[in-house]
């Protein structure tokens, strides 16, 4: 199974009226989302499952990809790594799943799957972490396929 974690691009500071879920991408964030979406579109296999948080900034980020996606409450800013992993059915589903979400949940999933001593891993705004579950000599492993940032695209 491939699990691709995409942190939403740069967003406005929290709005008083709409709250955290209503925050929109900045012009810089729109460019970041577009750059990463272009790269992802070339890399993602057809049929990849795509989920996004219901926050406006994550939906704006995933829309740049131009593929069908589903909004899921489990991926909201207060979602947990356990909710994310249960949603994507890690590592039991074959194929690729893309999740567009938030810190700290994405960084905590990365740290957990890679067995890092720290409970969290920094994930830059707009960045993609591509992880793969594989088996070698009877041992299941999680490997980092790539880490991409909008600045590199």
Protein backbone atom coordinates (compact mmCIF):
# COMPACT_ATOMS: atom_id res chain seq x y z
CA UNK A 1 0.00 0.00 0.00
CA UNK A 2 1.13 3.52 -0.79
CA UNK A 3 0.04 6.29 1.55
CA UNK A 4 0.61 9.80 0.23
CA UNK A 5 0.21 12.55 2.82
CA UNK A 6 -0.21 16.10 1.47
CA UNK A 7 -0.33 18.99 3.90
CA UNK A 8 -2.55 21.84 2.77
CA UNK A 9 -0.75 24.80 1.24
CA UNK A 10 -0.20 28.14 2.99
CA UNK A 11 -3.43 29.58 4.37
CA UNK A 12 -4.66 32.83 5.86
CA UNK A 13 -4.50 33.38 9.57
CA UNK A 14 -7.61 32.28 11.45
CA UNK A 15 -10.70 34.31 10.61
CA UNK A 16 -12.89 35.61 13.40
CA UNK A 17 -16.17 35.02 11.56
CA UNK A 18 -15.63 31.66 9.93
CA UNK A 19 -13.16 30.11 12.35
CA UNK A 20 -10.45 27.62 11.52
CA UNK A 21 -12.42 25.55 8.99
CA UNK A 22 -13.14 28.64 6.85
CA UNK A 23 -9.50 29.68 6.38
CA UNK A 24 -8.61 30.05 2.69
CA UNK A 25 -5.33 29.66 0.84
CA UNK A 26 -3.20 32.74 0.35
CA UNK A 27 -2.04 33.63 -3.18
CA UNK A 28 1.27 31.93 -2.30
CA UNK A 29 -0.68 28.89 -1.09
CA UNK A 30 -2.61 28.71 -4.37
CA UNK A 31 0.72 28.61 -6.25
CA UNK A 32 2.06 25.93 -3.88
CA UNK A 33 -1.06 23.80 -4.37
CA UNK A 34 -0.84 24.16 -8.14
CA UNK A 35 2.85 23.17 -8.25
CA UNK A 36 2.38 20.11 -6.06
CA UNK A 37 -0.80 19.10 -7.88
CA UNK A 38 1.04 19.17 -11.19
CA UNK A 39 3.75 16.90 -9.80
CA UNK A 40 1.25 14.58 -8.08
CA UNK A 41 -0.90 14.25 -11.17
CA UNK A 42 2.09 12.85 -13.06
CA UNK A 43 2.95 10.41 -10.21
CA UNK A 44 -0.39 9.16 -8.90
CA UNK A 45 -1.71 5.99 -10.47
CA UNK A 46 -5.18 5.97 -11.96
CA UNK A 47 -7.67 4.78 -9.39
CA UNK A 48 -5.85 6.27 -6.40
CA UNK A 49 -8.25 6.98 -3.55
CA UNK A 50 -8.21 10.65 -2.53
CA UNK A 51 -9.51 12.02 0.77
CA UNK A 52 -9.38 15.56 2.15
CA UNK A 53 -10.28 17.37 5.33
CA UNK A 54 -13.50 19.40 5.17
CA UNK A 55 -11.52 22.59 5.89
CA UNK A 56 -11.70 25.12 3.04
CA UNK A 57 -7.89 25.30 2.71
CA UNK A 58 -7.54 21.54 2.24
CA UNK A 59 -10.35 21.43 -0.29
CA UNK A 60 -8.73 24.28 -2.22
CA UNK A 61 -5.46 22.35 -2.15
CA UNK A 62 -6.96 19.08 -3.45
CA UNK A 63 -9.09 20.84 -6.10
CA UNK A 64 -5.84 21.92 -7.78
CA UNK A 65 -5.22 18.22 -8.54
CA UNK A 66 -8.31 18.01 -10.75
CA UNK A 67 -9.31 14.51 -9.63
CA UNK A 68 -12.31 13.16 -7.75
CA UNK A 69 -11.96 13.24 -3.97
CA UNK A 70 -14.01 12.75 -0.82
CA UNK A 71 -14.19 15.11 2.15
CA UNK A 72 -13.92 13.24 5.45
CA UNK A 73 -14.50 14.60 8.95
CA UNK A 74 -11.86 12.23 10.33
CA UNK A 75 -9.26 14.42 8.61
CA UNK A 76 -10.39 17.71 10.19
CA UNK A 77 -7.76 19.81 12.00
CA UNK A 78 -8.49 18.05 15.30
CA UNK A 79 -8.37 14.56 13.75
CA UNK A 80 -6.05 11.93 15.16
CA UNK A 81 -3.49 9.65 13.53
CA UNK A 82 -5.64 6.68 14.53
CA UNK A 83 -8.66 8.11 12.70
CA UNK A 84 -6.57 8.75 9.58
CA UNK A 85 -5.06 5.26 9.54
CA UNK A 86 -8.44 3.65 10.13
CA UNK A 87 -9.98 5.68 7.28
CA UNK A 88 -7.31 4.62 4.77
CA UNK A 89 -7.22 1.06 6.20
CA UNK A 90 -3.41 1.12 6.51
CA UNK A 91 -1.75 -1.22 5.59
CA UNK A 92 -4.46 -3.59 4.43
CA UNK A 93 -5.65 -1.96 1.21
CA UNK A 94 -3.74 -2.42 -2.02
CA UNK A 95 -2.97 0.55 -4.24
CA UNK A 96 -2.43 4.21 -3.47
CA UNK A 97 -4.31 6.54 -1.15
CA UNK A 98 -3.77 10.30 -1.03
CA UNK A 99 -4.76 12.21 2.11
CA UNK A 100 -4.86 16.02 2.15
CA UNK A 101 -4.78 17.14 5.76
CA UNK A 102 -3.22 19.07 8.60
CA UNK A 103 -0.46 19.18 11.13
CA UNK A 104 0.03 17.76 13.66
CA UNK A 105 -1.89 14.63 12.57
CA UNK A 106 0.12 14.10 9.36
CA UNK A 107 3.44 14.43 11.18
CA UNK A 108 2.27 12.08 13.91
CA UNK A 109 1.25 9.46 11.33
CA UNK A 110 4.67 9.73 9.67
CA UNK A 111 6.49 9.41 13.00
CA UNK A 112 4.38 6.40 14.01
CA UNK A 113 4.73 4.54 10.70
CA UNK A 114 8.48 5.14 10.50
CA UNK A 115 9.04 4.23 14.16
CA UNK A 116 10.64 7.58 14.99
CA UNK A 117 11.52 8.26 18.62
CA UNK A 118 9.90 11.68 18.43
CA UNK A 119 6.07 11.55 18.48
CA UNK A 120 5.81 14.11 15.68
CA UNK A 121 7.50 14.89 12.38
CA UNK A 122 7.58 18.37 10.83
CA UNK A 123 5.69 18.63 7.55
CA UNK A 124 6.01 21.87 5.58
CA UNK A 125 2.93 23.58 4.19
CA UNK A 126 2.13 22.18 0.77
CA UNK A 127 4.59 19.28 1.13
CA UNK A 128 3.96 15.65 0.15
CA UNK A 129 5.29 12.59 1.99
CA UNK A 130 4.93 9.33 0.04
CA UNK A 131 5.15 6.21 2.22
CA UNK A 132 4.97 2.57 1.15
CA UNK A 133 4.29 -0.61 3.11
CA UNK A 134 6.34 -3.53 1.82
CA UNK A 135 7.48 -6.93 2.98
CA UNK A 136 11.10 -8.05 2.84
CA UNK A 137 12.16 -11.50 4.00
CA UNK A 138 8.92 -11.86 5.94
CA UNK A 139 9.28 -8.50 7.71
CA UNK A 140 6.83 -5.67 7.03
CA UNK A 141 8.49 -2.32 6.53
CA UNK A 142 7.39 1.24 5.93
CA UNK A 143 9.69 3.09 3.56
CA UNK A 144 9.81 6.69 2.40
CA UNK A 145 9.38 6.75 -1.37
CA UNK A 146 9.83 10.53 -1.61
CA UNK A 147 9.30 13.83 0.14
CA UNK A 148 8.46 16.77 -2.10
CA UNK A 149 7.94 20.44 -1.31
CA UNK A 150 6.34 23.10 -3.50
CA UNK A 151 9.66 24.93 -3.71
CA UNK A 152 11.21 21.94 -5.52
CA UNK A 153 8.49 21.81 -8.17
